[in-house]
Amino acid sequence: MKKIALVGSLSLLVCCGIPKEEHQKTLDQLAKTQEELAAASAARDKAEKELGGRVTSLETENKKLGGELTNVSNKAVSLEQESSAAKGELAATRAELEALRKQRELAEKRMKAFKDLAAKLKAMVDGGKIQVQIRKGRMLVKLPDNVLFPSGSATLKKEGKTALEQVALALKDIKDRDFVVAGHTDNVKIKTAKFPSNWELSTQRAVEVVKFLGENGMDETKLSAAGYGDTDPIAPNDTPENKQMNRRLEIIVMPNIEELPKIDDAG
């Protein structure tokens, strides 16, 4: 049909008086134009196909990047949580270190007080009249009962008063402490009109020492007395020597409030 139409057109053109050469030239130009259009169409199709592939690739890449971004975001949240936890642990560690530092300072302060007291009473310690000790975590001055009192009595001996005067001189300079004077006996029972049991004897001896210390310069508001009878021995009551060790009087230097545990730490 195209050939018939083309021939018809050719015939028409010939009939119209257009030279055959010019007509052929027009046909050649038309054919070339059609080839160029076909090439352009093919190039467009190829470009569209390539573009479609590129779009698909970009969409895939975008999805991949979106997943990586989510992972990065999750990792950032995780790292932030770890950082917060680390900061909390660091703060706790610093608090623990500060608490340990304070405990060390208090321990050093207690040790200095102990050494200072021992130094003040060195002559009496060397003479065997008293002992300066740490017992049950508390600093104390221990005096044998035979230095202070006659057997079965709560009346201070002259030798005992002399010893207590020197002790009072050393202790009265400790301003921030309370003192408990504790009387102790061995397990030999006493039963007299004045002292029905070891409780009364140990307590009355402690009271007499408290009164004497107050009379010799110590603050009476910082003093108290306690009697333990034979309930707190420091040696078995199985030999005369051990019984003598248990018959004693202790002046306990009580810890100040800074050295006591907080309510939360007391268990």
Protein backbone atom coordinates (compact mmCIF):
# COMPACT_ATOMS: atom_id res chain seq x y z
CA MET A 1 0.00 0.00 0.00
CA LYS A 2 2.89 2.28 0.87
CA LYS A 3 4.49 1.57 -2.48
CA ILE A 4 1.19 2.24 -4.29
CA ALA A 5 0.78 5.42 -2.26
CA LEU A 6 4.36 6.38 -2.93
CA VAL A 7 3.95 5.66 -6.64
CA GLY A 8 0.71 7.53 -6.60
CA SER A 9 2.39 10.42 -4.92
CA LEU A 10 5.21 10.19 -7.39
CA SER A 11 2.85 10.10 -10.26
CA LEU A 12 1.00 13.00 -8.75
CA LEU A 13 4.17 14.94 -8.35
CA VAL A 14 5.25 14.06 -11.85
CA CYS A 15 1.88 15.06 -13.12
CA CYS A 16 2.21 18.28 -11.23
CA GLY A 17 5.32 19.06 -13.16
CA ILE A 18 7.96 18.43 -10.34
CA PRO A 19 11.17 17.09 -11.82
CA LYS A 20 11.95 13.46 -11.04
CA GLU A 21 15.38 14.24 -9.57
CA GLU A 22 14.00 16.74 -7.12
CA HIS A 23 11.28 14.35 -6.19
CA GLN A 24 13.83 11.60 -5.50
CA LYS A 25 15.88 14.00 -3.45
CA THR A 26 12.83 14.75 -1.35
CA LEU A 27 12.18 11.08 -0.84
CA ASP A 28 15.79 10.50 0.24
CA GLN A 29 15.57 13.34 2.69
CA LEU A 30 12.35 11.96 4.06
CA ALA A 31 13.88 8.51 4.48
CA LYS A 32 16.90 10.00 6.27
CA THR A 33 14.61 11.95 8.57
CA GLN A 34 12.68 8.78 9.39
CA GLU A 35 15.96 6.95 10.18
CA GLU A 36 17.04 9.80 12.45
CA LEU A 37 13.67 9.72 14.19
CA ALA A 38 13.98 5.97 14.63
CA ALA A 39 17.50 6.37 16.03
CA ALA A 40 16.36 9.13 18.33
CA SER A 41 13.45 6.97 19.51
CA ALA A 42 15.81 4.06 20.14
CA ALA A 43 18.19 6.35 22.00
CA ARG A 44 15.28 7.68 24.04
CA ASP A 45 14.13 4.16 24.90
CA LYS A 46 17.66 3.21 25.91
CA ALA A 47 18.00 6.37 28.00
CA GLU A 48 14.64 5.71 29.65
CA LYS A 49 15.69 2.14 30.39
CA GLU A 50 19.03 3.26 31.80
CA LEU A 51 17.29 5.96 33.81
CA GLY A 52 14.79 3.43 35.15
CA GLY A 53 17.64 1.17 36.19
CA ARG A 54 19.43 4.09 37.79
CA VAL A 55 16.27 5.09 39.69
CA THR A 56 15.86 1.51 40.90
CA SER A 57 19.49 1.45 41.95
CA LEU A 58 19.12 4.75 43.76
CA GLU A 59 15.98 3.52 45.52
CA THR A 60 17.83 0.40 46.62
CA GLU A 61 20.78 2.49 47.77
CA ASN A 62 18.44 4.87 49.57
CA LYS A 63 16.77 1.97 51.35
CA LYS A 64 20.16 0.60 52.30
CA LEU A 65 21.27 4.00 53.59
CA GLY A 66 17.99 4.28 55.51
CA GLY A 67 18.74 0.97 57.21
CA GLU A 68 22.28 2.06 57.98
CA LEU A 69 20.97 5.36 59.35
CA THR A 70 18.60 3.45 61.62
CA ASN A 71 21.48 1.29 62.81
CA VAL A 72 23.60 4.37 63.41
CA SER A 73 20.74 6.01 65.30
CA ASN A 74 20.23 2.90 67.43
CA LYS A 75 23.96 2.74 68.06
CA ALA A 76 23.95 6.40 69.08
CA VAL A 77 21.12 5.74 71.56
CA SER A 78 23.00 2.72 72.91
CA LEU A 79 26.20 4.74 73.26
CA GLU A 80 24.32 7.53 75.02
CA GLN A 81 22.86 5.00 77.45
CA GLU A 82 26.30 3.51 78.02
CA SER A 83 27.69 7.00 78.54
CA SER A 84 24.99 7.78 81.11
CA ALA A 85 25.70 4.50 82.88
CA ALA A 86 29.44 5.23 82.84
CA LYS A 87 28.83 8.70 84.27
CA GLY A 88 26.70 7.18 87.02
CA GLU A 89 29.42 4.62 87.81
CA LEU A 90 32.05 7.38 87.78
CA ALA A 91 29.99 9.48 90.18
CA ALA A 92 29.52 6.44 92.46
CA THR A 93 33.24 5.69 92.32
CA ARG A 94 34.10 9.27 93.18
CA ALA A 95 31.67 9.15 96.11
CA GLU A 96 33.24 5.90 97.30
CA LEU A 97 36.72 7.38 96.99
CA GLU A 98 35.62 10.45 98.92
CA ALA A 99 34.13 8.24 101.65
CA LEU A 100 37.36 6.22 101.80
CA ARG A 101 39.39 9.43 101.97
CA LYS A 102 37.30 10.65 104.91
CA GLN A 103 37.61 7.28 106.64
CA ARG A 104 41.36 7.38 106.19
CA GLU A 105 41.52 10.92 107.56
CA LEU A 106 39.46 9.89 110.58
CA ALA A 107 41.62 6.80 111.11
CA GLU A 108 44.76 8.95 110.94
CA LYS A 109 43.17 11.42 113.36
CA ARG A 110 42.31 8.61 115.81
CA MET A 111 45.81 7.18 115.54
CA LYS A 112 47.34 10.60 116.20
CA ALA A 113 45.11 11.05 119.26
CA PHE A 114 46.16 7.61 120.50
CA LYS A 115 49.86 8.35 120.01
CA ASP A 116 49.51 11.77 121.67
CA LEU A 117 47.75 10.25 124.68
CA ALA A 118 50.31 7.44 124.93
CA ALA A 119 53.10 10.03 124.77
CA LYS A 120 51.55 12.10 127.59
CA LEU A 121 51.21 9.01 129.79
CA LYS A 122 54.50 7.40 128.75
CA ALA A 123 56.08 7.65 132.18
CA MET A 124 53.12 5.90 133.83
CA VAL A 125 52.99 3.30 131.04
CA ASP A 126 56.71 2.62 131.42
CA GLY A 127 56.21 2.35 135.18
CA GLY A 128 53.56 -0.33 134.71
CA LYS A 129 50.85 1.69 136.46
CA ILE A 130 48.58 2.04 133.42
CA GLN A 131 48.18 0.79 129.86
CA VAL A 132 46.96 2.72 126.81
CA GLN A 133 45.16 0.37 124.41
CA ILE A 134 42.73 0.05 121.53
CA ARG A 135 39.97 -2.42 122.45
CA LYS A 136 36.75 -3.07 120.54
CA GLY A 137 37.71 -0.20 118.24
CA ARG A 138 37.91 2.29 121.12
CA MET A 139 40.88 3.96 122.76
CA LEU A 140 41.13 3.45 126.51
CA VAL A 141 43.33 3.88 129.54
CA LYS A 142 43.42 0.73 131.70
CA LEU A 143 44.34 0.82 135.39
CA PRO A 144 44.69 -2.32 137.57
CA ASP A 145 42.39 -2.34 140.59
CA ASN A 146 45.27 -2.91 143.01
CA VAL A 147 46.74 0.45 141.99
CA LEU A 148 43.45 2.23 142.71
CA PHE A 149 41.61 0.37 145.49
CA PRO A 150 42.17 -1.98 148.38
CA SER A 151 40.66 -5.44 147.89
CA GLY A 152 36.85 -5.43 148.13
CA SER A 153 36.77 -1.63 148.59
CA ALA A 154 35.70 1.39 146.55
CA THR A 155 37.83 3.86 148.47
CA LEU A 156 40.69 5.29 146.39
CA LYS A 157 44.22 4.64 147.67
CA LYS A 158 46.78 7.43 147.80
CA GLU A 159 48.72 5.74 145.02
CA GLY A 160 45.53 5.52 142.98
CA LYS A 161 44.78 9.20 143.41
CA THR A 162 48.29 10.11 142.27
CA ALA A 163 47.86 7.97 139.15
CA LEU A 164 44.44 9.44 138.37
CA GLU A 165 45.72 13.01 138.76
CA GLN A 166 48.22 12.39 135.97
CA VAL A 167 45.55 10.69 133.85
CA ALA A 168 43.16 13.62 134.32
CA LEU A 169 45.93 16.04 133.34
CA ALA A 170 46.36 14.17 130.04
CA LEU A 171 42.69 13.61 129.28
CA LYS A 172 41.28 17.06 130.07
CA ASP A 173 42.95 18.50 126.95
CA ILE A 174 40.83 16.23 124.74
CA LYS A 175 37.90 18.60 124.23
CA ASP A 176 35.74 16.84 121.64
CA ARG A 177 35.25 13.46 123.37
CA ASP A 178 33.11 11.88 126.06
CA PHE A 179 34.61 9.43 128.56
CA VAL A 180 33.08 6.32 130.10
CA VAL A 181 34.70 5.02 133.26
CA ALA A 182 34.05 1.26 133.39
CA GLY A 183 34.62 -0.92 136.46
CA HIS A 184 35.40 -4.66 136.07
CA THR A 185 35.91 -7.53 138.53
CA ASP A 186 37.02 -11.14 138.32
CA ASN A 187 34.53 -13.97 138.86
CA VAL A 188 35.09 -14.28 142.60
CA LYS A 189 31.73 -13.31 144.10
CA ILE A 190 31.46 -10.63 146.76
CA LYS A 191 28.54 -10.35 149.16
CA THR A 192 28.73 -7.69 151.85
CA ALA A 193 26.30 -5.23 153.32
CA LYS A 194 27.76 -2.46 151.15
CA PHE A 195 28.33 -4.55 148.03
CA PRO A 196 25.76 -7.34 147.66
CA SER A 197 27.39 -8.42 144.36
CA ASN A 198 30.18 -7.65 141.92
CA TRP A 199 27.80 -5.31 140.09
CA GLU A 200 27.68 -2.87 143.00
CA LEU A 201 31.44 -3.05 143.61
CA SER A 202 32.39 -2.43 139.97
CA THR A 203 29.82 0.36 139.58
CA GLN A 204 30.75 2.16 142.82
CA ARG A 205 34.44 2.06 141.90
CA ALA A 206 33.62 3.64 138.51
CA VAL A 207 31.56 6.34 140.23
CA GLU A 208 34.40 7.17 142.64
CA VAL A 209 36.84 7.55 139.72
CA VAL A 210 34.39 9.78 137.80
CA LYS A 211 34.02 12.05 140.82
CA PHE A 212 37.79 12.26 141.29
CA LEU A 213 38.46 13.05 137.63
CA GLY A 214 35.85 15.83 137.75
CA GLU A 215 37.49 17.27 140.85
CA ASN A 216 40.82 17.31 138.98
CA GLY A 217 39.96 19.37 135.95
CA MET A 218 37.97 17.11 133.63
CA ASP A 219 34.59 18.32 132.35
CA GLU A 220 31.97 16.45 134.39
CA THR A 221 29.46 16.76 131.57
CA LYS A 222 31.75 14.56 129.47
CA LEU A 223 32.07 11.84 132.13
CA SER A 224 29.88 8.81 132.89
CA ALA A 225 30.26 5.64 134.98
CA ALA A 226 29.43 1.99 134.23
CA GLY A 227 29.83 -1.24 136.16
CA TYR A 228 30.33 -4.53 134.30
CA GLY A 229 30.96 -6.86 137.21
CA ASP A 230 32.64 -9.99 135.85
CA THR A 231 30.76 -9.99 132.49
CA ASP A 232 33.53 -8.55 130.30
CA PRO A 233 36.78 -10.41 131.12
CA ILE A 234 39.93 -9.90 129.05
CA ALA A 235 41.42 -13.23 130.17
CA PRO A 236 40.07 -16.57 131.45
CA ASN A 237 39.48 -16.52 135.21
CA ASP A 238 41.58 -19.67 135.65
CA THR A 239 44.76 -18.36 137.34
CA PRO A 240 45.54 -15.71 139.94
CA GLU A 241 47.39 -13.73 137.25
CA ASN A 242 44.43 -13.77 134.90
CA LYS A 243 42.02 -12.84 137.69
CA GLN A 244 44.26 -9.86 138.46
CA MET A 245 44.08 -8.80 134.78
CA ASN A 246 40.28 -8.89 134.89
CA ARG A 247 40.11 -6.75 138.05
CA ARG A 248 40.59 -3.42 136.36
CA LEU A 249 39.18 0.00 135.64
CA GLU A 250 39.01 1.38 132.10
CA ILE A 251 38.62 5.00 131.05
CA ILE A 252 37.18 4.72 127.54
CA VAL A 253 37.64 7.59 125.08
CA MET A 254 34.38 7.51 123.15
CA PRO A 255 34.32 8.22 119.38
CA ASN A 256 32.90 11.55 118.32
CA ILE A 257 29.87 11.80 116.06
CA GLU A 258 31.99 12.10 112.88
CA GLU A 259 33.48 8.66 113.51
CA LEU A 260 30.13 6.92 113.91
CA PRO A 261 28.45 5.33 110.86
CA LYS A 262 25.49 7.11 109.31
CA ILE A 263 22.04 5.68 110.00
CA ASP A 264 21.86 4.31 106.44
CA ASP A 265 25.21 2.53 106.90
CA ALA A 266 24.49 1.04 110.30
CA GLY A 267 22.81 -2.07 108.82
